[in-house]
């Protein structure tokens, strides 16, 4: 028998066979090709020390992370609605954002 699942958002128990949705999100650091620091003034040794002091897992999560959650139908609908609510105000990754 399959283990019961729980909705990540509301905590509702989802018994075996219950309708559920798997949400997979991939977070990838974005780079807009703008460097605000002056390279001549950047202390590269200090920056390297800072990076070396961090563990590899933390550094990787700052650049790339995958998350998977289970949602019930109500929370899935609410999540989709929330994500798409302002999609006209928030262009996709291929659309330049005007200042």
Protein backbone atom coordinates (compact mmCIF):
# COMPACT_ATOMS: atom_id res chain seq x y z
CA UNK A 1 0.00 0.00 0.00
CA UNK A 2 1.29 3.47 -0.91
CA UNK A 3 2.18 5.94 1.82
CA UNK A 4 -0.19 8.81 2.40
CA UNK A 5 0.93 12.11 1.03
CA UNK A 6 0.35 15.57 2.44
CA UNK A 7 -0.30 18.83 0.56
CA UNK A 8 2.75 21.03 0.99
CA UNK A 9 0.66 24.24 1.14
CA UNK A 10 -2.27 23.41 3.42
CA UNK A 11 -1.12 20.20 5.10
CA UNK A 12 -4.19 18.21 4.03
CA UNK A 13 -3.60 14.46 4.01
CA UNK A 14 -3.93 12.94 0.54
CA UNK A 15 -4.86 9.27 0.81
CA UNK A 16 -3.75 6.76 -1.83
CA UNK A 17 -5.59 7.37 -5.10
CA UNK A 18 -6.51 10.95 -4.19
CA UNK A 19 -6.10 13.66 -6.80
CA UNK A 20 -2.78 15.43 -6.26
CA UNK A 21 -0.38 17.58 -8.27
CA UNK A 22 3.39 17.52 -8.35
CA UNK A 23 4.98 20.95 -8.76
CA UNK A 24 8.57 20.95 -9.93
CA UNK A 25 10.42 24.24 -9.81
CA UNK A 26 13.91 24.93 -11.07
CA UNK A 27 15.64 28.03 -9.80
CA UNK A 28 18.56 29.21 -11.91
CA UNK A 29 20.54 32.35 -11.15
CA UNK A 30 19.88 35.02 -13.74
CA UNK A 31 22.60 37.20 -15.22
CA UNK A 32 21.66 40.43 -16.95
CA UNK A 33 25.23 41.09 -18.09
CA UNK A 34 25.54 44.14 -15.84
CA UNK A 35 28.39 44.31 -13.34
CA UNK A 36 27.89 47.10 -10.85
CA UNK A 37 31.18 46.72 -8.97
CA UNK A 38 34.29 48.35 -10.34
CA UNK A 39 36.68 45.47 -11.14
CA UNK A 40 39.63 47.69 -10.28
CA UNK A 41 38.26 48.21 -6.76
CA UNK A 42 37.20 44.60 -6.12
CA UNK A 43 39.39 42.73 -3.67
CA UNK A 44 39.60 39.42 -5.54
CA UNK A 45 41.56 37.75 -2.74
CA UNK A 46 38.82 38.59 -0.23
CA UNK A 47 36.16 37.39 -2.65
CA UNK A 48 38.00 34.11 -3.16
CA UNK A 49 38.38 33.66 0.61
CA UNK A 50 34.65 34.28 1.03
CA UNK A 51 33.84 31.62 -1.58
CA UNK A 52 36.29 29.12 -0.10
CA UNK A 53 34.72 29.60 3.33
CA UNK A 54 31.31 28.51 1.98
CA UNK A 55 30.49 24.85 1.50
CA UNK A 56 29.97 23.58 -2.06
CA UNK A 57 26.29 22.81 -1.47
CA UNK A 58 25.52 26.39 -0.43
CA UNK A 59 27.40 27.78 -3.42
CA UNK A 60 25.50 25.45 -5.77
CA UNK A 61 22.12 26.41 -4.27
CA UNK A 62 22.95 30.08 -4.92
CA UNK A 63 23.18 29.24 -8.64
CA UNK A 64 20.84 26.27 -9.20
CA UNK A 65 18.21 24.48 -7.16
CA UNK A 66 15.35 22.10 -7.91
CA UNK A 67 12.30 21.79 -5.66
CA UNK A 68 9.41 19.31 -5.93
CA UNK A 69 6.25 19.57 -3.84
CA UNK A 70 2.84 17.88 -3.79
CA UNK A 71 -0.32 20.00 -3.81
CA UNK A 72 -4.02 19.22 -3.44
CA UNK A 73 -6.40 20.50 -6.15
CA UNK A 74 -7.42 23.60 -4.17
CA UNK A 75 -3.83 24.64 -3.48
CA UNK A 76 -2.76 23.84 -7.07
CA UNK A 77 -5.49 26.14 -8.40
CA UNK A 78 -4.54 28.88 -5.93
CA UNK A 79 -0.84 28.54 -6.80
CA UNK A 80 -1.46 28.75 -10.55
CA UNK A 81 -3.74 31.75 -10.03
CA UNK A 82 -1.13 33.50 -7.88
CA UNK A 83 1.68 32.79 -10.36
CA UNK A 84 -0.29 33.99 -13.36
CA UNK A 85 -2.15 36.87 -11.70
CA UNK A 86 0.28 39.54 -12.90
CA UNK A 87 1.87 37.78 -15.87
CA UNK A 88 1.19 40.78 -18.13
CA UNK A 89 3.18 42.97 -15.74
CA UNK A 90 6.05 40.47 -15.46
CA UNK A 91 7.48 39.54 -18.86
CA UNK A 92 9.07 36.19 -19.48
CA UNK A 93 12.82 35.55 -19.55
CA UNK A 94 13.13 36.39 -23.24
CA UNK A 95 11.46 39.79 -22.93
CA UNK A 96 13.71 42.71 -21.99
CA UNK A 97 12.54 44.57 -18.91
CA UNK A 98 12.26 48.30 -19.44
CA UNK A 99 13.71 50.52 -16.67
